[in-house]
Amino acid sequence: QSHADRAEHWIVVQGEAAALVDGHVHHLEHNQSLMVPAGTVHQVSNEGTGPLVLIEVHTGTRLDEGDVRRF
């Protein structure tokens, strides 16, 4: 998915994540984070054996679900 008017900041609280942002894979573990700029195609998945817990912070001019473009 992507968002035209909002950026996201993902912070891993528990587990291991694989974050795909504009075709690049980022591996994140506990206490690591990643900024996802507005307009970028992105996806996050659990790449560990246990639960993935993350905090997602939205910033921008439009924060509602109407700004989601799904692929």
PDB file of N, CA and C in Angstrom:
ATOM      1  N   GLN A   1       0.839  -1.180   0.000  1.00  0.00           N
ATOM      2  CA  GLN A   1       0.000   0.000   0.000  1.00  0.00           C
ATOM      3  C   GLN A   1       0.874   1.229   0.000  1.00  0.00           C
ATOM      4  N   SER A   2       0.269   2.364  -0.196  1.00  0.00           N
ATOM      5  CA  SER A   2       0.971   3.643  -0.076  1.00  0.00           C
ATOM      6  C   SER A   2      -0.035   4.692   0.394  1.00  0.00           C
ATOM      7  N   HIS A   3       0.485   5.851   0.785  1.00  0.00           N
ATOM      8  CA  HIS A   3      -0.337   6.965   1.256  1.00  0.00           C
ATOM      9  C   HIS A   3       0.213   8.238   0.620  1.00  0.00           C
ATOM     10  N   ALA A   4      -0.660   9.017   0.017  1.00  0.00           N
ATOM     11  CA  ALA A   4      -0.220  10.246  -0.639  1.00  0.00           C
ATOM     12  C   ALA A   4       0.132  11.338   0.358  1.00  0.00           C
ATOM     13  N   ASP A   5      -0.612  11.396   1.471  1.00  0.00           N
ATOM     14  CA  ASP A   5      -0.500  12.554   2.359  1.00  0.00           C
ATOM     15  C   ASP A   5      -0.004  12.240   3.761  1.00  0.00           C
ATOM     16  N   ARG A   6       0.476  11.028   3.993  1.00  0.00           N
ATOM     17  CA  ARG A   6       0.984  10.728   5.335  1.00  0.00           C
ATOM     18  C   ARG A   6       2.227   9.861   5.268  1.00  0.00           C
ATOM     19  N   ALA A   7       3.093  10.088   6.217  1.00  0.00           N
ATOM     20  CA  ALA A   7       4.269   9.249   6.423  1.00  0.00           C
ATOM     21  C   ALA A   7       4.000   8.362   7.630  1.00  0.00           C
ATOM     22  N   GLU A   8       4.763   7.288   7.756  1.00  0.00           N
ATOM     23  CA  GLU A   8       4.630   6.395   8.900  1.00  0.00           C
ATOM     24  C   GLU A   8       6.003   6.139   9.512  1.00  0.00           C
ATOM     25  N   HIS A   9       6.009   5.969  10.811  1.00  0.00           N
ATOM     26  CA  HIS A   9       7.218   5.611  11.554  1.00  0.00           C
ATOM     27  C   HIS A   9       6.902   4.307  12.276  1.00  0.00           C
ATOM     28  N   TRP A  10       7.632   3.239  11.939  1.00  0.00           N
ATOM     29  CA  TRP A  10       7.421   1.936  12.547  1.00  0.00           C
ATOM     30  C   TRP A  10       8.503   1.684  13.580  1.00  0.00           C
ATOM     31  N   ILE A  11       8.113   1.295  14.779  1.00  0.00           N
ATOM     32  CA  ILE A  11       9.045   0.988  15.864  1.00  0.00           C
ATOM     33  C   ILE A  11       8.756  -0.435  16.334  1.00  0.00           C
ATOM     34  N   VAL A  12       9.753  -1.315  16.272  1.00  0.00           N
ATOM     35  CA  VAL A  12       9.572  -2.704  16.699  1.00  0.00           C
ATOM     36  C   VAL A  12       9.720  -2.778  18.213  1.00  0.00           C
ATOM     37  N   VAL A  13       8.694  -3.282  18.865  1.00  0.00           N
ATOM     38  CA  VAL A  13       8.681  -3.447  20.311  1.00  0.00           C
ATOM     39  C   VAL A  13       9.061  -4.875  20.686  1.00  0.00           C
ATOM     40  N   GLN A  14       8.637  -5.826  19.855  1.00  0.00           N
ATOM     41  CA  GLN A  14       8.923  -7.236  20.107  1.00  0.00           C
ATOM     42  C   GLN A  14       8.941  -7.981  18.778  1.00  0.00           C
ATOM     43  N   GLY A  15       9.862  -8.911  18.634  1.00  0.00           N
ATOM     44  CA  GLY A  15       9.906  -9.752  17.450  1.00  0.00           C
ATOM     45  C   GLY A  15      10.845  -9.227  16.384  1.00  0.00           C
ATOM     46  N   GLU A  16      10.671  -9.777  15.182  1.00  0.00           N
ATOM     47  CA  GLU A  16      11.503  -9.433  14.033  1.00  0.00           C
ATOM     48  C   GLU A  16      10.601  -9.129  12.847  1.00  0.00           C
ATOM     49  N   ALA A  17      10.872  -8.020  12.177  1.00  0.00           N
ATOM     50  CA  ALA A  17      10.042  -7.590  11.060  1.00  0.00           C
ATOM     51  C   ALA A  17      10.862  -7.517   9.780  1.00  0.00           C
ATOM     52  N   ALA A  18      10.188  -7.776   8.677  1.00  0.00           N
ATOM     53  CA  ALA A  18      10.742  -7.505   7.356  1.00  0.00           C
ATOM     54  C   ALA A  18       9.874  -6.390   6.772  1.00  0.00           C
ATOM     55  N   ALA A  19      10.480  -5.245   6.523  1.00  0.00           N
ATOM     56  CA  ALA A  19       9.762  -4.098   5.997  1.00  0.00           C
ATOM     57  C   ALA A  19      10.192  -3.869   4.553  1.00  0.00           C
ATOM     58  N   LEU A  20       9.244  -3.954   3.640  1.00  0.00           N
ATOM     59  CA  LEU A  20       9.501  -3.708   2.235  1.00  0.00           C
ATOM     60  C   LEU A  20       9.060  -2.282   1.929  1.00  0.00           C
ATOM     61  N   VAL A  21      10.011  -1.425   1.564  1.00  0.00           N
ATOM     62  CA  VAL A  21       9.729  -0.020   1.284  1.00  0.00           C
ATOM     63  C   VAL A  21      10.359   0.321  -0.059  1.00  0.00           C
ATOM     64  N   ASP A  22       9.508   0.634  -1.041  1.00  0.00           N
ATOM     65  CA  ASP A  22       9.951   0.941  -2.408  1.00  0.00           C
ATOM     66  C   ASP A  22      10.919  -0.099  -2.966  1.00  0.00           C
ATOM     67  N   GLY A  23      10.609  -1.366  -2.731  1.00  0.00           N
ATOM     68  CA  GLY A  23      11.396  -2.453  -3.292  1.00  0.00           C
ATOM     69  C   GLY A  23      12.624  -2.857  -2.499  1.00  0.00           C
ATOM     70  N   HIS A  24      12.906  -2.178  -1.400  1.00  0.00           N
ATOM     71  CA  HIS A  24      14.059  -2.497  -0.561  1.00  0.00           C
ATOM     72  C   HIS A  24      13.584  -3.151   0.736  1.00  0.00           C
ATOM     73  N   VAL A  25      14.200  -4.269   1.109  1.00  0.00           N
ATOM     74  CA  VAL A  25      13.826  -4.970   2.334  1.00  0.00           C
ATOM     75  C   VAL A  25      14.710  -4.488   3.475  1.00  0.00           C
ATOM     76  N   HIS A  26      14.083  -4.142   4.581  1.00  0.00           N
ATOM     77  CA  HIS A  26      14.776  -3.725   5.802  1.00  0.00           C
ATOM     78  C   HIS A  26      14.419  -4.722   6.900  1.00  0.00           C
ATOM     79  N   HIS A  27      15.423  -5.287   7.556  1.00  0.00           N
ATOM     80  CA  HIS A  27      15.189  -6.223   8.651  1.00  0.00           C
ATOM     81  C   HIS A  27      15.294  -5.449   9.965  1.00  0.00           C
ATOM     82  N   LEU A  28      14.241  -5.526  10.764  1.00  0.00           N
ATOM     83  CA  LEU A  28      14.173  -4.760  12.007  1.00  0.00           C
ATOM     84  C   LEU A  28      13.956  -5.694  13.179  1.00  0.00           C
ATOM     85  N   GLU A  29      14.609  -5.378  14.285  1.00  0.00           N
ATOM     86  CA  GLU A  29      14.458  -6.129  15.525  1.00  0.00           C
ATOM     87  C   GLU A  29      14.078  -5.173  16.646  1.00  0.00           C
ATOM     88  N   HIS A  30      13.955  -5.701  17.849  1.00  0.00           N
ATOM     89  CA  HIS A  30      13.572  -4.935  19.036  1.00  0.00           C
ATOM     90  C   HIS A  30      14.321  -3.608  19.116  1.00  0.00           C
ATOM     91  N   ASN A  31      13.585  -2.533  19.341  1.00  0.00           N
ATOM     92  CA  ASN A  31      14.106  -1.171  19.496  1.00  0.00           C
ATOM     93  C   ASN A  31      14.642  -0.551  18.211  1.00  0.00           C
ATOM     94  N   GLN A  32      14.428  -1.172  17.068  1.00  0.00           N
ATOM     95  CA  GLN A  32      14.816  -0.562  15.802  1.00  0.00           C
ATOM     96  C   GLN A  32      13.576   0.050  15.166  1.00  0.00           C
ATOM     97  N   SER A  33      13.797   1.062  14.330  1.00  0.00           N
ATOM     98  CA  SER A  33      12.663   1.736  13.707  1.00  0.00           C
ATOM     99  C   SER A  33      12.985   2.106  12.268  1.00  0.00           C
ATOM    100  N   LEU A  34      11.938   2.487  11.556  1.00  0.00           N
ATOM    101  CA  LEU A  34      12.075   2.837  10.150  1.00  0.00           C
ATOM    102  C   LEU A  34      11.051   3.910   9.814  1.00  0.00           C
ATOM    103  N   MET A  35      11.476   4.924   9.091  1.00  0.00           N
ATOM    104  CA  MET A  35      10.566   5.948   8.573  1.00  0.00           C
ATOM    105  C   MET A  35      10.118   5.533   7.174  1.00  0.00           C
ATOM    106  N   VAL A  36       8.829   5.657   6.930  1.00  0.00           N
ATOM    107  CA  VAL A  36       8.253   5.353   5.622  1.00  0.00           C
ATOM    108  C   VAL A  36       7.694   6.670   5.078  1.00  0.00           C
ATOM    109  N   PRO A  37       8.390   7.299   4.132  1.00  0.00           N
ATOM    110  CA  PRO A  37       7.939   8.588   3.623  1.00  0.00           C
ATOM    111  C   PRO A  37       6.599   8.488   2.893  1.00  0.00           C
ATOM    112  N   ALA A  38       5.854   9.573   2.883  1.00  0.00           N
ATOM    113  CA  ALA A  38       4.600   9.632   2.134  1.00  0.00           C
ATOM    114  C   ALA A  38       4.876   9.315   0.672  1.00  0.00           C
ATOM    115  N   GLY A  39       3.960   8.575   0.058  1.00  0.00           N
ATOM    116  CA  GLY A  39       4.071   8.254  -1.359  1.00  0.00           C
ATOM    117  C   GLY A  39       4.843   6.992  -1.678  1.00  0.00           C
ATOM    118  N   THR A  40       5.471   6.369  -0.690  1.00  0.00           N
ATOM    119  CA  THR A  40       6.241   5.162  -0.960  1.00  0.00           C
ATOM    120  C   THR A  40       5.386   3.913  -0.769  1.00  0.00           C
ATOM    121  N   VAL A  41       5.606   2.922  -1.634  1.00  0.00           N
ATOM    122  CA  VAL A  41       4.927   1.640  -1.514  1.00  0.00           C
ATOM    123  C   VAL A  41       5.593   0.876  -0.378  1.00  0.00           C
ATOM    124  N   HIS A  42       4.774   0.320   0.535  1.00  0.00           N
ATOM    125  CA  HIS A  42       5.344  -0.321   1.712  1.00  0.00           C
ATOM    126  C   HIS A  42       4.500  -1.487   2.202  1.00  0.00           C
ATOM    127  N   GLN A  43       5.162  -2.370   2.940  1.00  0.00           N
ATOM    128  CA  GLN A  43       4.520  -3.550   3.518  1.00  0.00           C
ATOM    129  C   GLN A  43       5.402  -4.022   4.662  1.00  0.00           C
ATOM    130  N   VAL A  44       4.804  -4.542   5.713  1.00  0.00           N
ATOM    131  CA  VAL A  44       5.572  -5.097   6.823  1.00  0.00           C
ATOM    132  C   VAL A  44       5.063  -6.504   7.104  1.00  0.00           C
ATOM    133  N   SER A  45       5.988  -7.408   7.444  1.00  0.00           N
ATOM    134  CA  SER A  45       5.597  -8.778   7.768  1.00  0.00           C
ATOM    135  C   SER A  45       6.463  -9.300   8.914  1.00  0.00           C
ATOM    136  N   ASN A  46       5.949 -10.300   9.580  1.00  0.00           N
ATOM    137  CA  ASN A  46       6.637 -10.949  10.694  1.00  0.00           C
ATOM    138  C   ASN A  46       7.610 -11.967  10.116  1.00  0.00           C
ATOM    139  N   GLU A  47       8.895 -11.810  10.402  1.00  0.00           N
ATOM    140  CA  GLU A  47       9.850 -12.792   9.910  1.00  0.00           C
ATOM    141  C   GLU A  47      10.437 -13.638  11.043  1.00  0.00           C
ATOM    142  N   GLY A  48       9.884 -13.497  12.228  1.00  0.00           N
ATOM    143  CA  GLY A  48      10.332 -14.290  13.367  1.00  0.00           C
ATOM    144  C   GLY A  48       9.392 -15.455  13.623  1.00  0.00           C
ATOM    145  N   THR A  49       9.721 -16.216  14.656  1.00  0.00           N
ATOM    146  CA  THR A  49       8.883 -17.354  15.029  1.00  0.00           C
ATOM    147  C   THR A  49       7.842 -16.982  16.081  1.00  0.00           C
ATOM    148  N   GLY A  50       8.044 -15.866  16.758  1.00  0.00           N
ATOM    149  CA  GLY A  50       7.099 -15.400  17.774  1.00  0.00           C
ATOM    150  C   GLY A  50       6.293 -14.228  17.260  1.00  0.00           C
ATOM    151  N   PRO A  51       5.515 -13.626  18.151  1.00  0.00           N
ATOM    152  CA  PRO A  51       4.690 -12.476  17.756  1.00  0.00           C
ATOM    153  C   PRO A  51       5.536 -11.259  17.370  1.00  0.00           C
ATOM    154  N   LEU A  52       5.010 -10.481  16.442  1.00  0.00           N
ATOM    155  CA  LEU A  52       5.592  -9.195  16.085  1.00  0.00           C
ATOM    156  C   LEU A  52       4.706  -8.111  16.678  1.00  0.00           C
ATOM    157  N   VAL A  53       5.308  -7.237  17.488  1.00  0.00           N
ATOM    158  CA  VAL A  53       4.585  -6.110  18.067  1.00  0.00           C
ATOM    159  C   VAL A  53       5.315  -4.850  17.622  1.00  0.00           C
ATOM    160  N   LEU A  54       4.581  -3.942  16.990  1.00  0.00           N
ATOM    161  CA  LEU A  54       5.210  -2.687  16.589  1.00  0.00           C
ATOM    162  C   LEU A  54       4.266  -1.531  16.827  1.00  0.00           C
ATOM    163  N   ILE A  55       4.862  -0.372  16.938  1.00  0.00           N
ATOM    164  CA  ILE A  55       4.110   0.870  17.061  1.00  0.00           C
ATOM    165  C   ILE A  55       4.196   1.556  15.709  1.00  0.00           C
ATOM    166  N   GLU A  56       3.061   2.027  15.212  1.00  0.00           N
ATOM    167  CA  GLU A  56       3.017   2.742  13.947  1.00  0.00           C
ATOM    168  C   GLU A  56       2.511   4.150  14.218  1.00  0.00           C
ATOM    169  N   VAL A  57       3.341   5.143  13.930  1.00  0.00           N
ATOM    170  CA  VAL A  57       2.990   6.539  14.148  1.00  0.00           C
ATOM    171  C   VAL A  57       2.761   7.195  12.788  1.00  0.00           C
ATOM    172  N   HIS A  58       1.600   7.833  12.632  1.00  0.00           N
ATOM    173  CA  HIS A  58       1.268   8.514  11.379  1.00  0.00           C
ATOM    174  C   HIS A  58       1.503  10.010  11.535  1.00  0.00           C
ATOM    175  N   THR A  59       2.101  10.617  10.503  1.00  0.00           N
ATOM    176  CA  THR A  59       2.260  12.067  10.459  1.00  0.00           C
ATOM    177  C   THR A  59       1.901  12.556   9.062  1.00  0.00           C
ATOM    178  N   GLY A  60       1.350  13.730   8.976  1.00  0.00           N
ATOM    179  CA  GLY A  60       1.013  14.286   7.672  1.00  0.00           C
ATOM    180  C   GLY A  60      -0.249  15.113   7.724  1.00  0.00           C
ATOM    181  N   THR A  61      -0.743  15.457   6.544  1.00  0.00           N
ATOM    182  CA  THR A  61      -1.910  16.330   6.449  1.00  0.00           C
ATOM    183  C   THR A  61      -3.224  15.573   6.410  1.00  0.00           C
ATOM    184  N   ARG A  62      -3.165  14.276   6.131  1.00  0.00           N
ATOM    185  CA  ARG A  62      -4.373  13.453   6.099  1.00  0.00           C
ATOM    186  C   ARG A  62      -4.060  12.118   6.756  1.00  0.00           C
ATOM    187  N   LEU A  63      -4.731  11.823   7.860  1.00  0.00           N
ATOM    188  CA  LEU A  63      -4.400  10.638   8.643  1.00  0.00           C
ATOM    189  C   LEU A  63      -5.493   9.578   8.628  1.00  0.00           C
ATOM    190  N   ASP A  64      -6.559   9.776   7.850  1.00  0.00           N
ATOM    191  CA  ASP A  64      -7.653   8.810   7.831  1.00  0.00           C
ATOM    192  C   ASP A  64      -7.371   7.696   6.804  1.00  0.00           C
ATOM    193  N   GLU A  65      -8.196   6.662   6.861  1.00  0.00           N
ATOM    194  CA  GLU A  65      -8.003   5.497   5.974  1.00  0.00           C
ATOM    195  C   GLU A  65      -8.350   5.806   4.515  1.00  0.00           C
ATOM    196  N   GLY A  66      -8.943   6.948   4.240  1.00  0.00           N
ATOM    197  CA  GLY A  66      -9.225   7.331   2.870  1.00  0.00           C
ATOM    198  C   GLY A  66      -7.976   7.628   2.071  1.00  0.00           C
ATOM    199  N   ASP A  67      -6.830   7.740   2.736  1.00  0.00           N
ATOM    200  CA  ASP A  67      -5.552   8.024   2.072  1.00  0.00           C
ATOM    201  C   ASP A  67      -4.801   6.743   1.713  1.00  0.00           C
ATOM    202  N   VAL A  68      -5.425   5.579   1.869  1.00  0.00           N
ATOM    203  CA  VAL A  68      -4.741   4.311   1.582  1.00  0.00           C
ATOM    204  C   VAL A  68      -4.946   3.927   0.126  1.00  0.00           C
ATOM    205  N   ARG A  69      -3.849   3.638  -0.551  1.00  0.00           N
ATOM    206  CA  ARG A  69      -3.900   3.082  -1.907  1.00  0.00           C
ATOM    207  C   ARG A  69      -3.332   1.665  -1.825  1.00  0.00           C
ATOM    208  N   ARG A  70      -4.143   0.680  -2.128  1.00  0.00           N
ATOM    209  CA  ARG A  70      -3.728  -0.719  -2.016  1.00  0.00           C
ATOM    210  C   ARG A  70      -3.303  -1.271  -3.359  1.00  0.00           C
ATOM    211  N   PHE A  71      -2.296  -2.139  -3.322  1.00  0.00           N
ATOM    212  CA  PHE A  71      -1.765  -2.752  -4.540  1.00  0.00           C
ATOM    213  C   PHE A  71      -1.936  -4.255  -4.482  1.00  0.00           C
TER     214      PHE A  71
END
